[in-house]
Amino acid sequence: MAALGAILTALRRAVGRDLASSVKANNLLFLGLLGRSAAALFVLLGLLLLFPLSSDPLGKIPSARLALWPLSGWQRLGLRLASLALSPVAWIGALILLKTRRPGLALAFCGLAVGMQFMLALRRRMVKRDRHWDLLIDLPQFPGRLGGLVRKNAREMLCLLDPYAAALLSLGGGAYRIFAAHPDPAAFTIIGLLVALAMSTCAQSLFGLDLDSGITRYHLMPVSGWEILLAKDMAFLAILLVLLLPLDPWPGMTFGLVALAFGHHSSVLAGLPQQRWRFASGNLPFGAMQTAAGMAVGFVEHQRGLSVLALAAMGYLASVYYYGRRWERG
């Protein structure tokens, strides 16, 4: 029992850290300022979080290490059953049951989480059999000298949940444009700025998914620091532009340029680490300044036109050059 207790204690800590980092200091938290109108948006974000949070807690232990532990068959069965109680999905299901007293709703929620994990397991099996099922591998090659780096950075960025939250907002705005009888043109500007907001936390930690070996490799490459930053920014802006195409793209792109200009400071000097298939984690006070500036300049672009976008691009390029030099100095 002592061995099982030690393993479960370590699992509890790992699950707690994972849960705490899932939406830590993300700019999407500022959607709460919208009040009750943001409730539907948070429900959609919660659905995205179900993918990582419904994973098997025992999956955090490497299978090879688990196989080497001297546990009996009954101990392994007990570990399996006890680990289910550590799943955040089990906690949320119990909370739904206590709040609503509707067992069917709690079971439906747990069934949804199990279905998501089944889909992920099926995808992993299909990718293992045929690598072409991994859509991130088939991203198109970007032209130019930095094309390979841009493609690599786009793959990394698409391993965070922020672009998928932005994609849900973009799909909602596109559906409103197509199916609404008399769509309000101003709505596309607002939704476009929200799409940029959903992406903006990624700009605070452009190197967050690069390991130490990756940083070393950057320094060995025959490219300047500003080119390294530019390659990461091009991946960010390419994804953002695709998501903004069904909406009003230029205010959102203006927000994106401002977010990157601010984010270079945090990316180069703070070095915030990130986890794959989680929402990006940033600095909340810094994110508040980033969000306020991006929203303000984005609205001004909507009112004044592309000249504001050009000014934002000039400020962005100055930021790329300055922080590229800072990055080269380590």
C-alpha atoms as a PDB file:
ATOM      1  CA  MET A   1       0.000   0.000   0.000  1.00  0.00           C
ATOM      2  CA  ALA A   2       2.922   2.365   0.686  1.00  0.00           C
ATOM      3  CA  ALA A   3       4.098   1.988  -2.916  1.00  0.00           C
ATOM      4  CA  LEU A   4       0.629   2.735  -4.288  1.00  0.00           C
ATOM      5  CA  GLY A   5       0.303   5.727  -1.983  1.00  0.00           C
ATOM      6  CA  ALA A   6       3.613   7.185  -3.181  1.00  0.00           C
ATOM      7  CA  ILE A   7       2.660   6.719  -6.846  1.00  0.00           C
ATOM      8  CA  LEU A   8      -0.790   8.265  -6.370  1.00  0.00           C
ATOM      9  CA  THR A   9       0.682  11.227  -4.475  1.00  0.00           C
ATOM     10  CA  ALA A  10       3.067  11.909  -7.362  1.00  0.00           C
ATOM     11  CA  LEU A  11       0.193  11.567  -9.853  1.00  0.00           C
ATOM     12  CA  ARG A  12      -1.954  13.969  -7.829  1.00  0.00           C
ATOM     13  CA  ARG A  13       0.799  16.582  -7.941  1.00  0.00           C
ATOM     14  CA  ALA A  14       1.313  16.096 -11.678  1.00  0.00           C
ATOM     15  CA  VAL A  15      -2.413  16.398 -12.417  1.00  0.00           C
ATOM     16  CA  GLY A  16      -2.653  19.492 -10.191  1.00  0.00           C
ATOM     17  CA  ARG A  17       0.230  21.208 -11.997  1.00  0.00           C
ATOM     18  CA  ASP A  18      -1.279  20.273 -15.342  1.00  0.00           C
ATOM     19  CA  LEU A  19      -4.677  21.664 -14.360  1.00  0.00           C
ATOM     20  CA  ALA A  20      -3.188  24.877 -12.978  1.00  0.00           C
ATOM     21  CA  SER A  21      -1.243  25.537 -16.186  1.00  0.00           C
ATOM     22  CA  SER A  22      -4.142  24.857 -18.561  1.00  0.00           C
ATOM     23  CA  VAL A  23      -5.386  28.464 -18.789  1.00  0.00           C
ATOM     24  CA  LYS A  24      -2.849  30.255 -16.614  1.00  0.00           C
ATOM     25  CA  ALA A  25      -2.566  33.986 -17.412  1.00  0.00           C
ATOM     26  CA  ASN A  26      -4.048  33.665 -20.900  1.00  0.00           C
ATOM     27  CA  ASN A  27      -5.406  36.798 -22.566  1.00  0.00           C
ATOM     28  CA  LEU A  28      -8.683  34.948 -23.189  1.00  0.00           C
ATOM     29  CA  LEU A  29      -9.429  35.514 -19.507  1.00  0.00           C
ATOM     30  CA  PHE A  30     -10.132  39.157 -20.397  1.00  0.00           C
ATOM     31  CA  LEU A  31     -13.258  37.946 -22.190  1.00  0.00           C
ATOM     32  CA  GLY A  32     -14.748  37.855 -18.693  1.00  0.00           C
ATOM     33  CA  LEU A  33     -14.977  41.655 -18.934  1.00  0.00           C
ATOM     34  CA  LEU A  34     -17.800  41.124 -21.445  1.00  0.00           C
ATOM     35  CA  GLY A  35     -19.998  39.817 -18.611  1.00  0.00           C
ATOM     36  CA  ARG A  36     -22.742  37.324 -19.307  1.00  0.00           C
ATOM     37  CA  SER A  37     -22.331  37.718 -23.066  1.00  0.00           C
ATOM     38  CA  ALA A  38     -19.033  35.824 -22.772  1.00  0.00           C
ATOM     39  CA  ALA A  39     -20.635  32.728 -21.228  1.00  0.00           C
ATOM     40  CA  ALA A  40     -21.044  30.946 -24.570  1.00  0.00           C
ATOM     41  CA  LEU A  41     -17.411  31.702 -25.448  1.00  0.00           C
ATOM     42  CA  PHE A  42     -16.180  30.163 -22.203  1.00  0.00           C
ATOM     43  CA  VAL A  43     -18.287  27.056 -22.866  1.00  0.00           C
ATOM     44  CA  LEU A  44     -16.518  26.642 -26.223  1.00  0.00           C
ATOM     45  CA  LEU A  45     -13.134  27.105 -24.549  1.00  0.00           C
ATOM     46  CA  GLY A  46     -14.115  24.513 -21.953  1.00  0.00           C
ATOM     47  CA  LEU A  47     -14.852  22.028 -24.729  1.00  0.00           C
ATOM     48  CA  LEU A  48     -11.357  22.571 -26.097  1.00  0.00           C
ATOM     49  CA  LEU A  49      -9.884  21.989 -22.642  1.00  0.00           C
ATOM     50  CA  LEU A  50     -11.685  18.657 -22.411  1.00  0.00           C
ATOM     51  CA  PHE A  51      -9.241  17.158 -24.899  1.00  0.00           C
ATOM     52  CA  PRO A  52      -6.168  17.481 -22.648  1.00  0.00           C
ATOM     53  CA  LEU A  53      -7.980  17.310 -19.293  1.00  0.00           C
ATOM     54  CA  SER A  54      -9.778  14.039 -20.075  1.00  0.00           C
ATOM     55  CA  SER A  55      -6.521  12.199 -20.685  1.00  0.00           C
ATOM     56  CA  ASP A  56      -5.600   9.193 -18.572  1.00  0.00           C
ATOM     57  CA  PRO A  57      -3.662  10.289 -15.444  1.00  0.00           C
ATOM     58  CA  LEU A  58      -1.557   7.132 -15.705  1.00  0.00           C
ATOM     59  CA  GLY A  59      -0.462   8.336 -19.127  1.00  0.00           C
ATOM     60  CA  LYS A  60       1.823  10.795 -17.330  1.00  0.00           C
ATOM     61  CA  ILE A  61       3.977   7.815 -16.285  1.00  0.00           C
ATOM     62  CA  PRO A  62       6.193   6.479 -19.110  1.00  0.00           C
ATOM     63  CA  SER A  63       4.936   3.004 -20.034  1.00  0.00           C
ATOM     64  CA  ALA A  64       8.431   1.512 -19.900  1.00  0.00           C
ATOM     65  CA  ARG A  65       8.959   2.795 -16.353  1.00  0.00           C
ATOM     66  CA  LEU A  66       5.523   1.617 -15.221  1.00  0.00           C
ATOM     67  CA  ALA A  67       6.250  -1.868 -16.572  1.00  0.00           C
ATOM     68  CA  LEU A  68       9.489  -2.052 -14.560  1.00  0.00           C
ATOM     69  CA  TRP A  69       7.903  -1.247 -11.204  1.00  0.00           C
ATOM     70  CA  PRO A  70       7.549  -4.357  -8.985  1.00  0.00           C
ATOM     71  CA  LEU A  71       3.764  -4.236  -8.636  1.00  0.00           C
ATOM     72  CA  SER A  72       1.498  -7.239  -8.463  1.00  0.00           C
ATOM     73  CA  GLY A  73      -1.524  -7.679 -10.703  1.00  0.00           C
ATOM     74  CA  TRP A  74      -3.892  -6.587  -7.924  1.00  0.00           C
ATOM     75  CA  GLN A  75      -1.740  -3.544  -7.199  1.00  0.00           C
ATOM     76  CA  ARG A  76      -1.793  -2.526 -10.865  1.00  0.00           C
ATOM     77  CA  LEU A  77      -5.581  -2.927 -10.929  1.00  0.00           C
ATOM     78  CA  GLY A  78      -5.905  -0.845  -7.762  1.00  0.00           C
ATOM     79  CA  LEU A  79      -3.622   1.800  -9.269  1.00  0.00           C
ATOM     80  CA  ARG A  80      -5.770   1.902 -12.397  1.00  0.00           C
ATOM     81  CA  LEU A  81      -9.022   2.320 -10.439  1.00  0.00           C
ATOM     82  CA  ALA A  82      -7.573   4.863  -8.020  1.00  0.00           C
ATOM     83  CA  SER A  83      -6.086   6.936 -10.839  1.00  0.00           C
ATOM     84  CA  LEU A  84      -9.552   7.455 -12.325  1.00  0.00           C
ATOM     85  CA  ALA A  85     -10.466   9.491  -9.249  1.00  0.00           C
ATOM     86  CA  LEU A  86      -7.603  11.875 -10.077  1.00  0.00           C
ATOM     87  CA  SER A  87      -9.031  12.736 -13.482  1.00  0.00           C
ATOM     88  CA  PRO A  88     -10.368  16.326 -13.666  1.00  0.00           C
ATOM     89  CA  VAL A  89     -13.274  14.952 -15.721  1.00  0.00           C
ATOM     90  CA  ALA A  90     -14.357  12.822 -12.753  1.00  0.00           C
ATOM     91  CA  TRP A  91     -14.269  15.904 -10.496  1.00  0.00           C
ATOM     92  CA  ILE A  92     -16.274  18.006 -12.957  1.00  0.00           C
ATOM     93  CA  GLY A  93     -18.788  15.183 -13.470  1.00  0.00           C
ATOM     94  CA  ALA A  94     -19.260  14.894  -9.703  1.00  0.00           C
ATOM     95  CA  LEU A  95     -19.693  18.679  -9.447  1.00  0.00           C
ATOM     96  CA  ILE A  96     -22.349  18.626 -12.197  1.00  0.00           C
ATOM     97  CA  LEU A  97     -24.167  15.844 -10.347  1.00  0.00           C
ATOM     98  CA  LEU A  98     -24.095  17.752  -7.048  1.00  0.00           C
ATOM     99  CA  LYS A  99     -25.199  21.035  -8.610  1.00  0.00           C
ATOM    100  CA  THR A 100     -27.923  19.757 -10.930  1.00  0.00           C
ATOM    101  CA  ARG A 101     -28.880  16.422  -9.299  1.00  0.00           C
ATOM    102  CA  ARG A 102     -29.232  15.050 -12.826  1.00  0.00           C
ATOM    103  CA  PRO A 103     -27.204  11.834 -13.213  1.00  0.00           C
ATOM    104  CA  GLY A 104     -27.941  11.743 -16.949  1.00  0.00           C
ATOM    105  CA  LEU A 105     -26.247  15.103 -17.495  1.00  0.00           C
ATOM    106  CA  ALA A 106     -23.167  14.056 -15.517  1.00  0.00           C
ATOM    107  CA  LEU A 107     -22.952  10.770 -17.451  1.00  0.00           C
ATOM    108  CA  ALA A 108     -23.360  12.624 -20.746  1.00  0.00           C
ATOM    109  CA  PHE A 109     -20.468  14.914 -19.812  1.00  0.00           C
ATOM    110  CA  CYS A 110     -18.229  11.977 -18.896  1.00  0.00           C
ATOM    111  CA  GLY A 111     -19.296  10.192 -22.074  1.00  0.00           C
ATOM    112  CA  LEU A 112     -18.305  13.243 -24.119  1.00  0.00           C
ATOM    113  CA  ALA A 113     -14.863  13.235 -22.510  1.00  0.00           C
ATOM    114  CA  VAL A 114     -14.440   9.503 -23.152  1.00  0.00           C
ATOM    115  CA  GLY A 115     -15.508  10.018 -26.768  1.00  0.00           C
ATOM    116  CA  MET A 116     -12.888  12.742 -27.201  1.00  0.00           C
ATOM    117  CA  GLN A 117     -10.175  10.467 -25.882  1.00  0.00           C
ATOM    118  CA  PHE A 118     -11.363   7.697 -28.205  1.00  0.00           C
ATOM    119  CA  MET A 119     -11.047  10.089 -31.149  1.00  0.00           C
ATOM    120  CA  LEU A 120      -7.527  11.071 -30.076  1.00  0.00           C
ATOM    121  CA  ALA A 121      -6.509   7.425 -29.636  1.00  0.00           C
ATOM    122  CA  LEU A 122      -7.933   6.577 -33.068  1.00  0.00           C
ATOM    123  CA  ARG A 123      -6.032   9.482 -34.618  1.00  0.00           C
ATOM    124  CA  ARG A 124      -2.761   8.371 -32.983  1.00  0.00           C
ATOM    125  CA  ARG A 125      -3.276   4.854 -34.325  1.00  0.00           C
ATOM    126  CA  MET A 126      -3.983   6.156 -37.827  1.00  0.00           C
ATOM    127  CA  VAL A 127      -0.932   8.432 -37.751  1.00  0.00           C
ATOM    128  CA  LYS A 128       1.219   5.531 -36.580  1.00  0.00           C
ATOM    129  CA  ARG A 129       0.069   3.452 -39.555  1.00  0.00           C
ATOM    130  CA  ASP A 130       0.246   6.299 -42.094  1.00  0.00           C
ATOM    131  CA  ARG A 131       2.053   9.568 -41.341  1.00  0.00           C
ATOM    132  CA  HIS A 132      -0.066  11.406 -43.909  1.00  0.00           C
ATOM    133  CA  TRP A 133      -2.914  11.447 -41.376  1.00  0.00           C
ATOM    134  CA  ASP A 134      -0.865  13.961 -39.374  1.00  0.00           C
ATOM    135  CA  LEU A 135      -2.091  17.187 -40.961  1.00  0.00           C
ATOM    136  CA  LEU A 136       0.684  19.244 -39.367  1.00  0.00           C
ATOM    137  CA  ILE A 137       3.257  17.323 -41.406  1.00  0.00           C
ATOM    138  CA  ASP A 138       1.576  18.353 -44.656  1.00  0.00           C
ATOM    139  CA  LEU A 139       1.702  22.100 -44.006  1.00  0.00           C
ATOM    140  CA  PRO A 140       2.806  23.837 -47.214  1.00  0.00           C
ATOM    141  CA  GLN A 141       6.397  24.967 -47.539  1.00  0.00           C
ATOM    142  CA  PHE A 142       6.702  28.728 -47.187  1.00  0.00           C
ATOM    143  CA  PRO A 143       8.765  30.441 -49.888  1.00  0.00           C
ATOM    144  CA  GLY A 144      12.004  32.244 -49.277  1.00  0.00           C
ATOM    145  CA  ARG A 145      15.147  31.747 -47.258  1.00  0.00           C
ATOM    146  CA  LEU A 146      13.265  31.456 -43.976  1.00  0.00           C
ATOM    147  CA  GLY A 147      10.535  29.168 -45.355  1.00  0.00           C
ATOM    148  CA  GLY A 148      11.674  26.081 -43.454  1.00  0.00           C
ATOM    149  CA  LEU A 149      11.796  27.946 -40.150  1.00  0.00           C
ATOM    150  CA  VAL A 150       8.365  29.490 -40.741  1.00  0.00           C
ATOM    151  CA  ARG A 151       6.893  26.053 -41.449  1.00  0.00           C
ATOM    152  CA  LYS A 152       8.465  24.608 -38.307  1.00  0.00           C
ATOM    153  CA  ASN A 153       7.174  27.493 -36.200  1.00  0.00           C
ATOM    154  CA  ALA A 154       3.678  27.170 -37.662  1.00  0.00           C
ATOM    155  CA  ARG A 155       3.649  23.486 -36.671  1.00  0.00           C
ATOM    156  CA  GLU A 156       4.663  24.397 -33.129  1.00  0.00           C
ATOM    157  CA  MET A 157       2.043  27.138 -32.852  1.00  0.00           C
ATOM    158  CA  LEU A 158      -0.662  24.741 -34.043  1.00  0.00           C
ATOM    159  CA  CYS A 159       0.263  22.466 -31.120  1.00  0.00           C
ATOM    160  CA  LEU A 160      -1.256  25.067 -28.760  1.00  0.00           C
ATOM    161  CA  LEU A 161      -4.990  25.412 -28.169  1.00  0.00           C
ATOM    162  CA  ASP A 162      -5.095  29.165 -28.806  1.00  0.00           C
ATOM    163  CA  PRO A 163      -5.336  28.913 -32.629  1.00  0.00           C
ATOM    164  CA  TYR A 164      -8.233  26.458 -32.278  1.00  0.00           C
ATOM    165  CA  ALA A 165     -10.102  28.820 -29.943  1.00  0.00           C
ATOM    166  CA  ALA A 166      -9.527  31.553 -32.521  1.00  0.00           C
ATOM    167  CA  ALA A 167     -10.764  29.181 -35.248  1.00  0.00           C
ATOM    168  CA  LEU A 168     -14.032  28.607 -33.359  1.00  0.00           C
ATOM    169  CA  LEU A 169     -14.573  32.370 -33.162  1.00  0.00           C
ATOM    170  CA  SER A 170     -13.764  32.709 -36.859  1.00  0.00           C
ATOM    171  CA  LEU A 171     -16.186  29.928 -37.791  1.00  0.00           C
ATOM    172  CA  GLY A 172     -18.901  31.584 -35.716  1.00  0.00           C
ATOM    173  CA  GLY A 173     -18.315  34.911 -37.455  1.00  0.00           C
ATOM    174  CA  GLY A 174     -18.296  33.234 -40.868  1.00  0.00           C
ATOM    175  CA  ALA A 175     -21.565  31.444 -40.099  1.00  0.00           C
ATOM    176  CA  TYR A 176     -23.101  34.758 -39.005  1.00  0.00           C
ATOM    177  CA  ARG A 177     -22.037  36.354 -42.302  1.00  0.00           C
ATOM    178  CA  ILE A 178     -23.551  33.509 -44.366  1.00  0.00           C
ATOM    179  CA  PHE A 179     -26.774  32.733 -42.514  1.00  0.00           C
ATOM    180  CA  ALA A 180     -27.836  36.037 -40.944  1.00  0.00           C
ATOM    181  CA  ALA A 181     -30.533  37.842 -42.908  1.00  0.00           C
ATOM    182  CA  HIS A 182     -29.031  41.292 -42.298  1.00  0.00           C
ATOM    183  CA  PRO A 183     -25.555  40.923 -40.715  1.00  0.00           C
ATOM    184  CA  ASP A 184     -24.146  43.959 -38.954  1.00  0.00           C
ATOM    185  CA  PRO A 185     -20.841  44.965 -40.669  1.00  0.00           C
ATOM    186  CA  ALA A 186     -19.419  46.199 -37.350  1.00  0.00           C
ATOM    187  CA  ALA A 187     -19.762  42.691 -35.913  1.00  0.00           C
ATOM    188  CA  PHE A 188     -17.035  41.384 -38.214  1.00  0.00           C
ATOM    189  CA  THR A 189     -14.575  43.954 -36.899  1.00  0.00           C
ATOM    190  CA  ILE A 190     -15.364  43.029 -33.293  1.00  0.00           C
ATOM    191  CA  ILE A 191     -15.147  39.287 -33.928  1.00  0.00           C
ATOM    192  CA  GLY A 192     -11.905  39.794 -35.852  1.00  0.00           C
ATOM    193  CA  LEU A 193     -10.407  41.609 -32.860  1.00  0.00           C
ATOM    194  CA  LEU A 194     -11.542  38.757 -30.605  1.00  0.00           C
ATOM    195  CA  VAL A 195      -9.837  36.286 -32.953  1.00  0.00           C
ATOM    196  CA  ALA A 196      -6.620  38.294 -32.629  1.00  0.00           C
ATOM    197  CA  LEU A 197      -7.115  38.408 -28.853  1.00  0.00           C
ATOM    198  CA  ALA A 198      -7.388  34.614 -28.786  1.00  0.00           C
ATOM    199  CA  MET A 199      -4.047  34.362 -30.602  1.00  0.00           C
ATOM    200  CA  SER A 200      -2.243  37.158 -28.762  1.00  0.00           C
ATOM    201  CA  THR A 201      -0.937  35.166 -25.778  1.00  0.00           C
ATOM    202  CA  CYS A 202       1.169  33.066 -28.182  1.00  0.00           C
ATOM    203  CA  ALA A 203       3.109  36.260 -28.989  1.00  0.00           C
ATOM    204  CA  GLN A 204       4.294  36.502 -25.376  1.00  0.00           C
ATOM    205  CA  SER A 205       6.328  33.309 -25.595  1.00  0.00           C
ATOM    206  CA  LEU A 206       7.482  32.690 -29.150  1.00  0.00           C
ATOM    207  CA  PHE A 207      10.308  30.434 -27.912  1.00  0.00           C
ATOM    208  CA  GLY A 208       8.176  28.624 -25.329  1.00  0.00           C
ATOM    209  CA  LEU A 209       8.111  25.278 -27.162  1.00  0.00           C
ATOM    210  CA  ASP A 210      11.799  25.340 -28.161  1.00  0.00           C
ATOM    211  CA  LEU A 211      14.024  23.130 -26.062  1.00  0.00           C
ATOM    212  CA  ASP A 212      17.528  24.191 -25.023  1.00  0.00           C
ATOM    213  CA  SER A 213      18.872  22.197 -27.962  1.00  0.00           C
ATOM    214  CA  GLY A 214      16.619  24.182 -30.297  1.00  0.00           C
ATOM    215  CA  ILE A 215      17.909  27.512 -28.950  1.00  0.00           C
ATOM    216  CA  THR A 216      21.473  26.279 -29.411  1.00  0.00           C
ATOM    217  CA  ARG A 217      20.652  25.250 -32.968  1.00  0.00           C
ATOM    218  CA  TYR A 218      19.291  28.732 -33.694  1.00  0.00           C
ATOM    219  CA  HIS A 219      22.583  30.271 -32.580  1.00  0.00           C
ATOM    220  CA  LEU A 220      24.527  27.938 -34.879  1.00  0.00           C
ATOM    221  CA  MET A 221      22.429  28.788 -37.940  1.00  0.00           C
ATOM    222  CA  PRO A 222      23.685  31.436 -40.414  1.00  0.00           C
ATOM    223  CA  VAL A 223      20.771  33.780 -39.638  1.00  0.00           C
ATOM    224  CA  SER A 224      20.464  36.934 -37.578  1.00  0.00           C
ATOM    225  CA  GLY A 225      18.414  37.303 -34.421  1.00  0.00           C
ATOM    226  CA  TRP A 226      15.851  39.497 -36.163  1.00  0.00           C
ATOM    227  CA  GLU A 227      15.424  36.803 -38.812  1.00  0.00           C
ATOM    228  CA  ILE A 228      14.726  34.203 -36.118  1.00  0.00           C
ATOM    229  CA  LEU A 229      12.033  36.478 -34.666  1.00  0.00           C
ATOM    230  CA  LEU A 230      10.681  37.295 -38.114  1.00  0.00           C
ATOM    231  CA  ALA A 231      10.277  33.595 -38.954  1.00  0.00           C
ATOM    232  CA  LYS A 232       8.246  33.058 -35.788  1.00  0.00           C
ATOM    233  CA  ASP A 233       6.181  36.180 -36.451  1.00  0.00           C
ATOM    234  CA  MET A 234       5.450  35.137 -40.038  1.00  0.00           C
ATOM    235  CA  ALA A 235       4.006  31.837 -38.777  1.00  0.00           C
ATOM    236  CA  PHE A 236       1.841  33.732 -36.268  1.00  0.00           C
ATOM    237  CA  LEU A 237       0.631  36.266 -38.852  1.00  0.00           C
ATOM    238  CA  ALA A 238      -0.027  33.617 -41.515  1.00  0.00           C
ATOM    239  CA  ILE A 239      -2.291  31.643 -39.159  1.00  0.00           C
ATOM    240  CA  LEU A 240      -3.999  34.843 -37.997  1.00  0.00           C
ATOM    241  CA  LEU A 241      -4.627  36.043 -41.558  1.00  0.00           C
ATOM    242  CA  VAL A 242      -6.243  32.736 -42.555  1.00  0.00           C
ATOM    243  CA  LEU A 243      -8.552  32.922 -39.539  1.00  0.00           C
ATOM    244  CA  LEU A 244      -9.468  36.544 -40.274  1.00  0.00           C
ATOM    245  CA  LEU A 245     -10.360  36.044 -43.939  1.00  0.00           C
ATOM    246  CA  PRO A 246     -14.103  35.353 -43.254  1.00  0.00           C
ATOM    247  CA  LEU A 247     -14.253  38.575 -41.189  1.00  0.00           C
ATOM    248  CA  ASP A 248     -12.814  42.082 -41.423  1.00  0.00           C
ATOM    249  CA  PRO A 249      -9.103  41.179 -41.547  1.00  0.00           C
ATOM    250  CA  TRP A 250      -7.252  44.490 -41.239  1.00  0.00           C
ATOM    251  CA  PRO A 251      -8.198  45.545 -37.671  1.00  0.00           C
ATOM    252  CA  GLY A 252      -7.353  42.016 -36.510  1.00  0.00           C
ATOM    253  CA  MET A 253      -4.019  42.067 -38.352  1.00  0.00           C
ATOM    254  CA  THR A 254      -3.282  45.448 -36.765  1.00  0.00           C
ATOM    255  CA  PHE A 255      -3.980  43.904 -33.348  1.00  0.00           C
ATOM    256  CA  GLY A 256      -1.667  41.016 -34.293  1.00  0.00           C
ATOM    257  CA  LEU A 257       1.208  43.359 -35.183  1.00  0.00           C
ATOM    258  CA  VAL A 258       0.785  45.267 -31.903  1.00  0.00           C
ATOM    259  CA  ALA A 259       0.608  41.980 -29.957  1.00  0.00           C
ATOM    260  CA  LEU A 260       3.871  40.823 -31.550  1.00  0.00           C
ATOM    261  CA  ALA A 261       5.596  44.162 -30.963  1.00  0.00           C
ATOM    262  CA  PHE A 262       4.725  43.890 -27.244  1.00  0.00           C
ATOM    263  CA  GLY A 263       5.293  40.140 -27.137  1.00  0.00           C
ATOM    264  CA  HIS A 264       8.905  40.357 -28.331  1.00  0.00           C
ATOM    265  CA  HIS A 265       9.864  41.828 -24.955  1.00  0.00           C
ATOM    266  CA  SER A 266       8.399  38.910 -23.047  1.00  0.00           C
ATOM    267  CA  SER A 267       9.557  36.300 -25.566  1.00  0.00           C
ATOM    268  CA  VAL A 268      13.190  37.426 -25.554  1.00  0.00           C
ATOM    269  CA  LEU A 269      13.672  38.555 -21.955  1.00  0.00           C
ATOM    270  CA  ALA A 270      11.263  36.383 -19.925  1.00  0.00           C
ATOM    271  CA  GLY A 271      11.336  33.053 -21.783  1.00  0.00           C
ATOM    272  CA  LEU A 272       8.004  31.679 -20.543  1.00  0.00           C
ATOM    273  CA  PRO A 273       7.797  27.890 -21.087  1.00  0.00           C
ATOM    274  CA  GLN A 274       4.735  26.365 -22.761  1.00  0.00           C
ATOM    275  CA  GLN A 275       3.078  22.950 -22.857  1.00  0.00           C
ATOM    276  CA  ARG A 276       1.830  21.351 -26.038  1.00  0.00           C
ATOM    277  CA  TRP A 277      -1.945  21.010 -26.398  1.00  0.00           C
ATOM    278  CA  ARG A 278      -2.604  23.569 -23.697  1.00  0.00           C
ATOM    279  CA  PHE A 279      -3.533  27.233 -23.876  1.00  0.00           C
ATOM    280  CA  ALA A 280      -0.478  29.480 -23.966  1.00  0.00           C
ATOM    281  CA  SER A 281       0.560  30.909 -20.599  1.00  0.00           C
ATOM    282  CA  GLY A 282       1.644  34.512 -20.326  1.00  0.00           C
ATOM    283  CA  ASN A 283       1.980  37.336 -17.840  1.00  0.00           C
ATOM    284  CA  LEU A 284      -1.389  38.792 -16.835  1.00  0.00           C
ATOM    285  CA  PRO A 285      -0.370  42.473 -16.259  1.00  0.00           C
ATOM    286  CA  PHE A 286       1.704  42.421 -19.433  1.00  0.00           C
ATOM    287  CA  GLY A 287      -1.170  40.733 -21.277  1.00  0.00           C
ATOM    288  CA  ALA A 288      -3.532  43.483 -20.092  1.00  0.00           C
ATOM    289  CA  MET A 289      -1.281  46.134 -21.662  1.00  0.00           C
ATOM    290  CA  GLN A 290      -0.903  44.039 -24.813  1.00  0.00           C
ATOM    291  CA  THR A 291      -4.667  43.537 -25.103  1.00  0.00           C
ATOM    292  CA  ALA A 292      -5.570  47.168 -24.388  1.00  0.00           C
ATOM    293  CA  ALA A 293      -3.063  48.493 -26.925  1.00  0.00           C
ATOM    294  CA  GLY A 294      -4.057  45.964 -29.579  1.00  0.00           C
ATOM    295  CA  MET A 295      -7.774  46.623 -29.170  1.00  0.00           C
ATOM    296  CA  ALA A 296      -7.305  50.413 -29.224  1.00  0.00           C
ATOM    297  CA  VAL A 297      -5.098  50.455 -32.336  1.00  0.00           C
ATOM    298  CA  GLY A 298      -7.349  47.894 -34.035  1.00  0.00           C
ATOM    299  CA  PHE A 299     -10.426  50.084 -33.527  1.00  0.00           C
ATOM    300  CA  VAL A 300      -8.512  53.127 -34.784  1.00  0.00           C
ATOM    301  CA  GLU A 301      -7.553  51.175 -37.927  1.00  0.00           C
ATOM    302  CA  HIS A 302     -11.223  50.367 -38.498  1.00  0.00           C
ATOM    303  CA  GLN A 303     -12.047  54.087 -38.294  1.00  0.00           C
ATOM    304  CA  ARG A 304      -9.044  55.607 -40.094  1.00  0.00           C
ATOM    305  CA  GLY A 305      -8.050  52.943 -42.618  1.00  0.00           C
ATOM    306  CA  LEU A 306      -4.876  51.167 -43.742  1.00  0.00           C
ATOM    307  CA  SER A 307      -2.575  54.057 -42.783  1.00  0.00           C
ATOM    308  CA  VAL A 308      -2.913  52.925 -39.156  1.00  0.00           C
ATOM    309  CA  LEU A 309      -1.990  49.380 -40.196  1.00  0.00           C
ATOM    310  CA  ALA A 310       1.109  50.764 -41.933  1.00  0.00           C
ATOM    311  CA  LEU A 311       2.133  52.658 -38.764  1.00  0.00           C
ATOM    312  CA  ALA A 312       1.611  49.495 -36.687  1.00  0.00           C
ATOM    313  CA  ALA A 313       3.780  47.581 -39.174  1.00  0.00           C
ATOM    314  CA  MET A 314       6.564  50.173 -38.815  1.00  0.00           C
ATOM    315  CA  GLY A 315       6.483  49.889 -35.030  1.00  0.00           C
ATOM    316  CA  TYR A 316       6.450  46.114 -35.328  1.00  0.00           C
ATOM    317  CA  LEU A 317       9.529  46.100 -37.615  1.00  0.00           C
ATOM    318  CA  ALA A 318      11.391  48.351 -35.172  1.00  0.00           C
ATOM    319  CA  SER A 319      10.552  45.867 -32.413  1.00  0.00           C
ATOM    320  CA  VAL A 320      11.785  42.938 -34.534  1.00  0.00           C
ATOM    321  CA  TYR A 321      15.140  44.625 -35.141  1.00  0.00           C
ATOM    322  CA  TYR A 322      15.678  45.791 -31.549  1.00  0.00           C
ATOM    323  CA  TYR A 323      14.715  42.554 -29.817  1.00  0.00           C
ATOM    324  CA  GLY A 324      16.484  40.513 -32.491  1.00  0.00           C
ATOM    325  CA  ARG A 325      19.698  42.241 -31.432  1.00  0.00           C
ATOM    326  CA  ARG A 326      18.852  41.627 -27.769  1.00  0.00           C
ATOM    327  CA  TRP A 327      18.270  37.944 -28.512  1.00  0.00           C
ATOM    328  CA  GLU A 328      21.665  37.654 -30.205  1.00  0.00           C
ATOM    329  CA  ARG A 329      23.326  38.978 -27.033  1.00  0.00           C
ATOM    330  CA  GLY A 330      21.631  36.201 -25.054  1.00  0.00           C
END
